[in-house]
Amino acid sequence: MQNLVILAGNVGATPEARTTQGGTKITHFSLATSRPKRDSNGKTIKDDNGRRIEDTEWHRITCFNGVGKTVEQYVDKGMKVMVRGRIHYTRWTDNENIERYGVEIIADEVTFLTRAKSASGGQGGNDSSVDDDDIPF
């Protein structure tokens, strides 16, 4: 059996990166995915203007090393990307001794579906894909 997830959506905010004491680059970003909202008969629900209403879900994406470095350099808020990776569940106890749970997607590959920002911060480049095999560590 395999833990595999593929998501395509819009980046919610500029990715945040950090490096661990051991030198591992970790980059996080949020990804919004949407689907049409349906009534009990399966029919798409529309608003007063005739536009379909959508349910949006937010996903926490975590990238390591080469993928994380590329995401930090070229991904920006609003870009459309496709993420291929795995679901990772976490459990911890907070400062008030309450057990908490979380879920994130560990990205193996991020494909740009819209133009990436250039390393200097402007728009540019072509649609591209990056995975950990493409970048030396």
N, C-alpha and C. Protein backbone atom coordinates (compact mmCIF):
# COMPACT_ATOMS: atom_id res chain seq x y z
N MET A 1 0.84 -1.19 0.00
CA MET A 1 0.00 0.00 0.00
C MET A 1 0.88 1.24 0.00
N GLN A 2 0.34 2.32 -0.55
CA GLN A 2 1.14 3.54 -0.67
C GLN A 2 0.35 4.74 -0.19
N ASN A 3 1.01 5.65 0.49
CA ASN A 3 0.44 6.91 0.94
C ASN A 3 0.80 7.95 -0.12
N LEU A 4 -0.15 8.29 -0.99
CA LEU A 4 0.11 9.21 -2.09
C LEU A 4 -1.04 10.20 -2.20
N VAL A 5 -0.69 11.48 -2.32
CA VAL A 5 -1.70 12.51 -2.49
C VAL A 5 -1.23 13.45 -3.60
N ILE A 6 -2.19 13.89 -4.42
CA ILE A 6 -1.91 14.88 -5.46
C ILE A 6 -2.95 15.98 -5.31
N LEU A 7 -2.48 17.21 -5.13
CA LEU A 7 -3.36 18.37 -4.97
C LEU A 7 -2.98 19.44 -5.98
N ALA A 8 -3.96 20.10 -6.55
CA ALA A 8 -3.71 21.25 -7.41
C ALA A 8 -4.56 22.39 -6.88
N GLY A 9 -3.93 23.55 -6.68
CA GLY A 9 -4.67 24.68 -6.12
C GLY A 9 -3.86 25.95 -6.16
N ASN A 10 -4.32 26.92 -5.36
CA ASN A 10 -3.70 28.24 -5.29
C ASN A 10 -2.93 28.39 -3.98
N VAL A 11 -1.72 28.93 -4.08
CA VAL A 11 -0.89 29.18 -2.91
C VAL A 11 -1.52 30.33 -2.12
N GLY A 12 -1.70 30.11 -0.81
CA GLY A 12 -2.41 31.09 0.02
C GLY A 12 -1.57 32.23 0.54
N ALA A 13 -0.28 32.02 0.70
CA ALA A 13 0.61 33.06 1.23
C ALA A 13 2.04 32.75 0.77
N THR A 14 2.88 33.75 0.85
CA THR A 14 4.29 33.55 0.50
C THR A 14 4.88 32.45 1.39
N PRO A 15 5.54 31.46 0.80
CA PRO A 15 6.12 30.37 1.59
C PRO A 15 7.10 30.89 2.65
N GLU A 16 7.13 30.18 3.79
CA GLU A 16 8.04 30.51 4.88
C GLU A 16 9.07 29.40 4.99
N ALA A 17 10.35 29.79 5.06
CA ALA A 17 11.43 28.80 5.11
C ALA A 17 12.27 28.99 6.35
N ARG A 18 12.85 27.88 6.79
CA ARG A 18 13.81 27.90 7.89
C ARG A 18 14.80 26.77 7.67
N THR A 19 15.89 26.82 8.36
CA THR A 19 16.89 25.77 8.28
C THR A 19 17.12 25.23 9.69
N THR A 20 17.11 23.92 9.85
CA THR A 20 17.33 23.32 11.16
C THR A 20 18.80 23.43 11.54
N GLN A 21 19.10 23.17 12.78
CA GLN A 21 20.50 23.18 13.23
C GLN A 21 21.33 22.16 12.48
N GLY A 22 20.69 21.08 12.01
CA GLY A 22 21.39 20.06 11.25
C GLY A 22 21.56 20.41 9.78
N GLY A 23 21.02 21.57 9.35
CA GLY A 23 21.21 22.03 7.99
C GLY A 23 20.09 21.67 7.02
N THR A 24 19.01 21.08 7.52
CA THR A 24 17.88 20.72 6.66
C THR A 24 17.01 21.95 6.39
N LYS A 25 16.77 22.25 5.12
CA LYS A 25 15.89 23.36 4.74
C LYS A 25 14.45 22.85 4.79
N ILE A 26 13.58 23.58 5.50
CA ILE A 26 12.16 23.24 5.60
C ILE A 26 11.35 24.46 5.17
N THR A 27 10.48 24.28 4.20
CA THR A 27 9.64 25.37 3.69
C THR A 27 8.18 24.95 3.81
N HIS A 28 7.36 25.86 4.37
CA HIS A 28 5.93 25.63 4.53
C HIS A 28 5.15 26.63 3.69
N PHE A 29 4.02 26.17 3.14
CA PHE A 29 3.06 27.09 2.54
C PHE A 29 1.67 26.49 2.60
N SER A 30 0.66 27.33 2.45
CA SER A 30 -0.72 26.86 2.45
C SER A 30 -1.21 26.77 1.01
N LEU A 31 -2.06 25.78 0.76
CA LEU A 31 -2.61 25.56 -0.58
C LEU A 31 -4.12 25.43 -0.46
N ALA A 32 -4.83 26.21 -1.27
CA ALA A 32 -6.30 26.16 -1.28
C ALA A 32 -6.77 25.32 -2.46
N THR A 33 -7.64 24.36 -2.19
CA THR A 33 -8.29 23.59 -3.25
C THR A 33 -9.79 23.82 -3.12
N SER A 34 -10.48 23.81 -4.25
CA SER A 34 -11.92 24.07 -4.25
C SER A 34 -12.66 23.04 -5.09
N ARG A 35 -13.93 22.85 -4.73
CA ARG A 35 -14.81 21.99 -5.52
C ARG A 35 -16.21 22.56 -5.43
N PRO A 36 -17.05 22.29 -6.42
CA PRO A 36 -18.41 22.85 -6.40
C PRO A 36 -19.22 22.31 -5.22
N LYS A 37 -19.99 23.20 -4.60
CA LYS A 37 -20.89 22.80 -3.53
C LYS A 37 -22.15 22.21 -4.18
N ARG A 38 -22.65 21.11 -3.64
CA ARG A 38 -23.81 20.43 -4.24
C ARG A 38 -24.94 20.28 -3.22
N ASP A 39 -26.18 20.26 -3.74
CA ASP A 39 -27.34 20.04 -2.88
C ASP A 39 -27.52 18.54 -2.64
N SER A 40 -28.59 18.17 -1.93
CA SER A 40 -28.82 16.76 -1.57
C SER A 40 -29.08 15.88 -2.79
N ASN A 41 -29.42 16.47 -3.92
CA ASN A 41 -29.64 15.72 -5.16
C ASN A 41 -28.39 15.65 -6.03
N GLY A 42 -27.30 16.25 -5.58
CA GLY A 42 -26.06 16.24 -6.34
C GLY A 42 -25.93 17.36 -7.35
N LYS A 43 -26.91 18.27 -7.36
CA LYS A 43 -26.88 19.38 -8.31
C LYS A 43 -26.01 20.52 -7.75
N THR A 44 -25.21 21.14 -8.63
CA THR A 44 -24.34 22.25 -8.23
C THR A 44 -25.18 23.44 -7.76
N ILE A 45 -24.82 24.00 -6.62
CA ILE A 45 -25.53 25.15 -6.06
C ILE A 45 -24.93 26.42 -6.65
N LYS A 46 -25.79 27.35 -7.05
CA LYS A 46 -25.35 28.63 -7.62
C LYS A 46 -25.85 29.78 -6.78
N ASP A 47 -25.11 30.91 -6.84
CA ASP A 47 -25.51 32.11 -6.11
C ASP A 47 -26.54 32.89 -6.92
N ASP A 48 -26.93 34.07 -6.43
CA ASP A 48 -27.94 34.89 -7.09
C ASP A 48 -27.51 35.38 -8.46
N ASN A 49 -26.20 35.41 -8.72
CA ASN A 49 -25.68 35.86 -10.01
C ASN A 49 -25.45 34.71 -10.99
N GLY A 50 -25.81 33.49 -10.58
CA GLY A 50 -25.64 32.33 -11.46
C GLY A 50 -24.27 31.69 -11.40
N ARG A 51 -23.40 32.17 -10.52
CA ARG A 51 -22.07 31.57 -10.37
C ARG A 51 -22.14 30.43 -9.36
N ARG A 52 -21.41 29.36 -9.66
CA ARG A 52 -21.45 28.24 -8.73
C ARG A 52 -20.74 28.56 -7.43
N ILE A 53 -21.25 28.03 -6.36
CA ILE A 53 -20.67 28.20 -5.03
C ILE A 53 -19.70 27.05 -4.80
N GLU A 54 -18.53 27.36 -4.25
CA GLU A 54 -17.51 26.34 -4.05
C GLU A 54 -17.17 26.17 -2.58
N ASP A 55 -16.80 24.95 -2.22
CA ASP A 55 -16.22 24.65 -0.91
C ASP A 55 -14.72 24.70 -1.07
N THR A 56 -14.05 25.45 -0.22
CA THR A 56 -12.59 25.57 -0.29
C THR A 56 -12.00 24.89 0.94
N GLU A 57 -10.96 24.12 0.72
CA GLU A 57 -10.21 23.49 1.80
C GLU A 57 -8.77 23.98 1.76
N TRP A 58 -8.18 24.16 2.94
CA TRP A 58 -6.80 24.62 3.04
C TRP A 58 -5.92 23.48 3.50
N HIS A 59 -4.76 23.36 2.88
CA HIS A 59 -3.81 22.29 3.18
C HIS A 59 -2.47 22.92 3.56
N ARG A 60 -1.84 22.35 4.57
CA ARG A 60 -0.50 22.78 4.97
C ARG A 60 0.50 21.91 4.23
N ILE A 61 1.37 22.55 3.43
CA ILE A 61 2.34 21.83 2.62
C ILE A 61 3.73 22.05 3.22
N THR A 62 4.49 20.98 3.37
CA THR A 62 5.85 21.05 3.89
C THR A 62 6.80 20.46 2.85
N CYS A 63 7.86 21.22 2.55
CA CYS A 63 8.87 20.80 1.57
C CYS A 63 10.23 20.79 2.25
N PHE A 64 11.06 19.83 1.88
CA PHE A 64 12.39 19.73 2.46
C PHE A 64 13.47 19.95 1.41
N ASN A 65 14.61 20.41 1.86
CA ASN A 65 15.85 20.53 1.10
C ASN A 65 15.68 21.15 -0.28
N GLY A 66 15.97 20.42 -1.36
CA GLY A 66 15.94 20.99 -2.71
C GLY A 66 14.58 21.52 -3.11
N VAL A 67 13.52 20.76 -2.84
CA VAL A 67 12.17 21.23 -3.18
C VAL A 67 11.86 22.48 -2.35
N GLY A 68 12.21 22.47 -1.08
CA GLY A 68 11.96 23.62 -0.22
C GLY A 68 12.70 24.86 -0.68
N LYS A 69 13.93 24.69 -1.11
CA LYS A 69 14.73 25.82 -1.59
C LYS A 69 14.10 26.42 -2.85
N THR A 70 13.69 25.57 -3.78
CA THR A 70 13.08 26.06 -5.02
C THR A 70 11.74 26.73 -4.75
N VAL A 71 10.93 26.14 -3.88
CA VAL A 71 9.64 26.74 -3.53
C VAL A 71 9.85 28.11 -2.90
N GLU A 72 10.81 28.22 -2.00
CA GLU A 72 11.10 29.51 -1.37
C GLU A 72 11.49 30.56 -2.41
N GLN A 73 12.29 30.17 -3.40
CA GLN A 73 12.77 31.12 -4.40
C GLN A 73 11.72 31.51 -5.44
N TYR A 74 10.88 30.57 -5.85
CA TYR A 74 10.06 30.80 -7.03
C TYR A 74 8.54 30.80 -6.81
N VAL A 75 8.06 30.38 -5.65
CA VAL A 75 6.62 30.31 -5.41
C VAL A 75 6.18 31.53 -4.62
N ASP A 76 5.04 32.08 -5.02
CA ASP A 76 4.50 33.26 -4.35
C ASP A 76 3.00 33.11 -4.17
N LYS A 77 2.45 33.92 -3.31
CA LYS A 77 1.01 33.94 -3.04
C LYS A 77 0.24 34.07 -4.35
N GLY A 78 -0.82 33.25 -4.50
CA GLY A 78 -1.69 33.33 -5.66
C GLY A 78 -1.32 32.42 -6.81
N MET A 79 -0.08 31.90 -6.82
CA MET A 79 0.33 30.99 -7.90
C MET A 79 -0.49 29.71 -7.85
N LYS A 80 -0.68 29.11 -9.02
CA LYS A 80 -1.30 27.80 -9.10
C LYS A 80 -0.19 26.76 -9.18
N VAL A 81 -0.26 25.78 -8.29
CA VAL A 81 0.74 24.71 -8.27
C VAL A 81 0.05 23.36 -8.09
N MET A 82 0.77 22.31 -8.47
CA MET A 82 0.33 20.95 -8.19
C MET A 82 1.38 20.33 -7.28
N VAL A 83 0.91 19.70 -6.22
CA VAL A 83 1.79 19.09 -5.23
C VAL A 83 1.57 17.58 -5.25
N ARG A 84 2.66 16.83 -5.35
CA ARG A 84 2.60 15.38 -5.22
C ARG A 84 3.42 15.02 -3.99
N GLY A 85 2.81 14.25 -3.08
CA GLY A 85 3.50 13.90 -1.86
C GLY A 85 2.73 12.88 -1.05
N ARG A 86 2.84 13.00 0.28
CA ARG A 86 2.18 12.06 1.18
C ARG A 86 1.54 12.81 2.34
N ILE A 87 0.54 12.19 2.93
CA ILE A 87 -0.14 12.76 4.10
C ILE A 87 0.64 12.35 5.34
N HIS A 88 0.86 13.32 6.23
CA HIS A 88 1.57 13.05 7.48
C HIS A 88 0.74 13.58 8.65
N TYR A 89 0.44 12.71 9.60
CA TYR A 89 -0.35 13.10 10.78
C TYR A 89 0.59 13.29 11.96
N THR A 90 0.31 14.31 12.77
CA THR A 90 1.13 14.56 13.95
C THR A 90 0.24 14.65 15.19
N ARG A 91 0.85 14.36 16.34
CA ARG A 91 0.14 14.46 17.62
C ARG A 91 1.13 15.03 18.63
N TRP A 92 0.67 15.99 19.42
CA TRP A 92 1.52 16.59 20.42
C TRP A 92 0.67 17.08 21.59
N THR A 93 1.35 17.38 22.69
CA THR A 93 0.69 17.92 23.87
C THR A 93 1.12 19.38 23.99
N ASP A 94 0.14 20.29 24.09
CA ASP A 94 0.47 21.71 24.15
C ASP A 94 0.87 22.14 25.56
N ASN A 95 1.13 23.44 25.73
CA ASN A 95 1.58 23.98 27.03
C ASN A 95 0.56 23.80 28.14
N GLU A 96 -0.72 23.66 27.76
CA GLU A 96 -1.78 23.48 28.76
C GLU A 96 -2.12 22.00 28.96
N ASN A 97 -1.21 21.13 28.50
CA ASN A 97 -1.33 19.69 28.64
C ASN A 97 -2.55 19.10 27.90
N ILE A 98 -2.93 19.75 26.80
CA ILE A 98 -4.02 19.27 25.96
C ILE A 98 -3.42 18.58 24.74
N GLU A 99 -3.92 17.37 24.46
CA GLU A 99 -3.41 16.64 23.31
C GLU A 99 -3.98 17.23 22.03
N ARG A 100 -3.11 17.56 21.09
CA ARG A 100 -3.49 18.18 19.81
C ARG A 100 -3.11 17.26 18.66
N TYR A 101 -3.82 17.45 17.54
CA TYR A 101 -3.57 16.67 16.34
C TYR A 101 -3.44 17.60 15.15
N GLY A 102 -2.66 17.20 14.16
CA GLY A 102 -2.50 18.00 12.96
C GLY A 102 -2.23 17.10 11.77
N VAL A 103 -2.38 17.69 10.60
CA VAL A 103 -2.10 16.97 9.36
C VAL A 103 -1.40 17.91 8.40
N GLU A 104 -0.45 17.39 7.65
CA GLU A 104 0.25 18.17 6.63
C GLU A 104 0.56 17.27 5.46
N ILE A 105 0.86 17.89 4.34
CA ILE A 105 1.28 17.17 3.15
C ILE A 105 2.78 17.36 3.01
N ILE A 106 3.53 16.27 3.00
CA ILE A 106 4.97 16.32 2.77
C ILE A 106 5.16 16.22 1.26
N ALA A 107 5.64 17.30 0.65
CA ALA A 107 5.74 17.38 -0.81
C ALA A 107 7.02 16.71 -1.31
N ASP A 108 6.85 15.79 -2.26
CA ASP A 108 7.98 15.20 -2.97
C ASP A 108 8.26 15.99 -4.24
N GLU A 109 7.21 16.61 -4.78
CA GLU A 109 7.34 17.35 -6.04
C GLU A 109 6.32 18.48 -6.06
N VAL A 110 6.74 19.64 -6.56
CA VAL A 110 5.85 20.79 -6.75
C VAL A 110 5.98 21.22 -8.20
N THR A 111 4.85 21.22 -8.92
CA THR A 111 4.83 21.62 -10.33
C THR A 111 4.15 22.97 -10.43
N PHE A 112 4.79 23.91 -11.12
CA PHE A 112 4.21 25.24 -11.29
C PHE A 112 3.20 25.19 -12.43
N LEU A 113 1.96 25.59 -12.14
CA LEU A 113 0.91 25.62 -13.15
C LEU A 113 0.73 27.03 -13.72
N THR A 114 1.31 28.02 -13.06
CA THR A 114 1.39 29.38 -13.59
C THR A 114 2.85 29.80 -13.50
N ARG A 115 3.17 30.91 -14.13
CA ARG A 115 4.56 31.37 -14.15
C ARG A 115 5.11 31.56 -12.74
N ALA A 116 6.32 31.07 -12.57
CA ALA A 116 7.01 31.25 -11.30
C ALA A 116 7.54 32.66 -11.20
N LYS A 117 7.67 33.15 -9.96
CA LYS A 117 8.34 34.44 -9.80
C LYS A 117 9.82 34.23 -10.08
N SER A 118 10.49 35.26 -10.55
CA SER A 118 11.92 35.12 -10.79
C SER A 118 12.65 35.21 -9.46
N ALA A 119 13.87 34.75 -9.43
CA ALA A 119 14.65 34.76 -8.20
C ALA A 119 14.82 36.17 -7.67
N SER A 120 14.75 37.18 -8.57
CA SER A 120 14.88 38.57 -8.13
C SER A 120 13.56 39.14 -7.64
N GLY A 121 12.48 38.33 -7.70
CA GLY A 121 11.21 38.76 -7.13
C GLY A 121 10.14 39.13 -8.12
N GLY A 122 10.48 39.31 -9.41
CA GLY A 122 9.48 39.66 -10.42
C GLY A 122 8.90 38.43 -11.06
N GLN A 123 7.95 38.60 -11.98
CA GLN A 123 7.38 37.47 -12.70
C GLN A 123 8.29 37.11 -13.86
N GLY A 124 8.34 35.85 -14.20
CA GLY A 124 9.15 35.42 -15.33
C GLY A 124 9.33 33.93 -15.33
N GLY A 125 10.07 33.41 -16.29
CA GLY A 125 10.31 31.98 -16.35
C GLY A 125 9.18 31.24 -17.02
N ASN A 126 9.33 29.94 -17.12
CA ASN A 126 8.33 29.07 -17.73
C ASN A 126 7.72 28.17 -16.69
N ASP A 127 6.62 27.51 -17.05
CA ASP A 127 6.05 26.50 -16.17
C ASP A 127 7.11 25.44 -15.97
N SER A 128 7.27 24.97 -14.76
CA SER A 128 8.29 23.97 -14.51
C SER A 128 7.91 23.13 -13.33
N SER A 129 8.71 22.09 -13.11
CA SER A 129 8.48 21.16 -12.02
C SER A 129 9.80 20.93 -11.34
N VAL A 130 9.75 20.68 -10.06
CA VAL A 130 10.97 20.38 -9.32
C VAL A 130 10.68 19.23 -8.37
N ASP A 131 11.63 18.32 -8.24
CA ASP A 131 11.53 17.31 -7.22
C ASP A 131 12.92 17.10 -6.61
N ASP A 132 12.99 16.35 -5.52
CA ASP A 132 14.24 16.22 -4.80
C ASP A 132 15.36 15.59 -5.63
N ASP A 133 15.02 14.85 -6.69
CA ASP A 133 16.04 14.24 -7.52
C ASP A 133 16.72 15.25 -8.44
N ASP A 134 16.09 16.41 -8.66
CA ASP A 134 16.60 17.40 -9.61
C ASP A 134 17.64 18.34 -9.02
N ILE A 135 17.73 18.41 -7.70
CA ILE A 135 18.55 19.44 -7.07
C ILE A 135 19.58 18.78 -6.16
N PRO A 136 20.84 19.13 -6.33
CA PRO A 136 21.87 18.58 -5.42
C PRO A 136 21.74 19.20 -4.04
N PHE A 137 22.01 18.43 -3.01
CA PHE A 137 21.90 18.91 -1.63
C PHE A 137 23.25 19.34 -1.11
